[in-house]
Amino acid sequence: MSTAAVLLTVALALLGLSLLLVTVRFVRGPSALDRLVSLDAIVAVVMCGLMAHVAMTHDSATVPAVVAISLVGFLGSSTVARVVGRRRDGSADEEEL
């Protein structure tokens, strides 16, 4: 096994461990913002895992999926953050929507 393959395997193992830890934070909470941040971290770990897979297999067919996941993750987290921010401020006026 080459050095690059060993390094990529170790990277995937560490990404799996971080995914497990972030999933625990997502399940335990305690607040909605904790869950939002952990969901963003889950999206980032999945994207890193997919890119490590691309590096191992030299197959770039997965790259468009990574771009799509990053866009959906960004839009979802910014939308939820906006809604939570309005709830905390108490300024959920219909004029601002």
Protein backbone atom coordinates (compact mmCIF):
# COMPACT_ATOMS: atom_id res chain seq x y z
CA MET A 1 0.00 0.00 0.00
CA SER A 2 1.41 3.37 -0.97
CA THR A 3 1.92 6.26 1.40
CA ALA A 4 -0.85 8.28 -0.23
CA ALA A 5 -3.33 5.44 0.17
CA VAL A 6 -2.43 5.06 3.85
CA LEU A 7 -2.81 8.79 4.45
CA LEU A 8 -6.17 8.90 2.69
CA THR A 9 -7.38 5.88 4.66
CA VAL A 10 -6.36 7.56 7.91
CA ALA A 11 -8.11 10.75 6.78
CA LEU A 12 -11.31 8.82 6.06
CA ALA A 13 -11.12 7.12 9.46
CA LEU A 14 -10.73 10.49 11.21
CA LEU A 15 -13.60 11.91 9.19
CA GLY A 16 -15.74 8.96 10.25
CA LEU A 17 -14.86 9.59 13.89
CA SER A 18 -15.68 13.28 13.58
CA LEU A 19 -18.97 12.41 11.88
CA LEU A 20 -19.85 10.18 14.81
CA LEU A 21 -19.05 12.92 17.35
CA VAL A 22 -20.98 15.58 15.44
CA THR A 23 -23.96 13.25 15.10
CA VAL A 24 -23.99 12.83 18.88
CA ARG A 25 -24.08 16.63 19.24
CA PHE A 26 -26.91 16.77 16.71
CA VAL A 27 -28.98 14.22 18.63
CA ARG A 28 -28.29 15.61 22.12
CA GLY A 29 -28.86 19.27 21.26
CA PRO A 30 -29.81 20.98 23.56
CA SER A 31 -30.84 23.99 21.48
CA ALA A 32 -31.87 24.47 17.87
CA LEU A 33 -28.72 26.46 17.17
CA ASP A 34 -26.57 23.58 18.46
CA ARG A 35 -28.36 21.30 16.04
CA LEU A 36 -27.91 23.81 13.21
CA VAL A 37 -24.17 24.08 13.78
CA SER A 38 -23.82 20.31 14.03
CA LEU A 39 -25.80 19.87 10.82
CA ASP A 40 -23.41 22.28 9.08
CA ALA A 41 -20.52 20.25 10.43
CA ILE A 42 -22.12 17.03 9.17
CA VAL A 43 -22.44 18.54 5.70
CA ALA A 44 -18.79 19.65 5.80
CA VAL A 45 -17.57 16.22 6.93
CA VAL A 46 -19.58 14.48 4.22
CA MET A 47 -18.13 16.82 1.60
CA CYS A 48 -14.60 16.16 2.87
CA GLY A 49 -15.25 12.43 2.80
CA LEU A 50 -16.49 12.60 -0.77
CA MET A 51 -13.45 14.61 -1.82
CA ALA A 52 -11.13 12.14 -0.09
CA HIS A 53 -12.88 9.41 -2.07
CA VAL A 54 -12.27 11.42 -5.25
CA ALA A 55 -8.59 11.70 -4.31
CA MET A 56 -8.35 7.96 -3.71
CA THR A 57 -10.12 6.83 -6.87
CA HIS A 58 -9.11 9.67 -9.22
CA ASP A 59 -12.72 9.76 -10.40
CA SER A 60 -14.08 13.30 -10.62
CA ALA A 61 -17.70 12.27 -11.21
CA THR A 62 -18.51 13.01 -7.56
CA VAL A 63 -17.39 16.66 -7.68
CA PRO A 64 -20.76 18.02 -8.96
CA ALA A 65 -22.48 16.25 -6.06
CA VAL A 66 -20.11 17.97 -3.62
CA VAL A 67 -20.92 21.34 -5.16
CA ALA A 68 -24.66 20.65 -4.93
CA ILE A 69 -24.36 19.51 -1.30
CA SER A 70 -22.41 22.63 -0.38
CA LEU A 71 -25.00 24.91 -1.98
CA VAL A 72 -27.94 23.16 -0.33
CA GLY A 73 -26.13 23.18 3.02
CA PHE A 74 -25.37 26.88 2.76
CA LEU A 75 -28.90 27.83 1.75
CA GLY A 76 -30.46 25.67 4.45
CA SER A 77 -28.26 26.94 7.26
CA SER A 78 -28.58 30.59 6.26
CA THR A 79 -32.37 30.26 6.06
CA VAL A 80 -32.64 28.63 9.47
CA ALA A 81 -30.26 31.16 10.99
CA ARG A 82 -32.36 33.98 9.57
CA VAL A 83 -35.57 32.52 11.01
CA VAL A 84 -34.02 31.88 14.42
CA GLY A 85 -32.53 35.37 14.45
CA ARG A 86 -35.91 36.91 13.78
CA ARG A 87 -37.52 34.84 16.51
CA ARG A 88 -34.95 35.97 19.04
CA ASP A 89 -35.31 39.61 18.06
CA GLY A 90 -39.10 39.42 18.01
CA SER A 91 -39.13 41.20 14.67
CA ALA A 92 -40.96 38.67 12.53
CA ASP A 93 -42.89 41.38 10.72
CA GLU A 94 -44.47 40.42 7.44
CA GLU A 95 -43.11 43.59 5.84
CA GLU A 96 -39.55 42.30 6.12
CA LEU A 97 -40.31 38.99 4.48
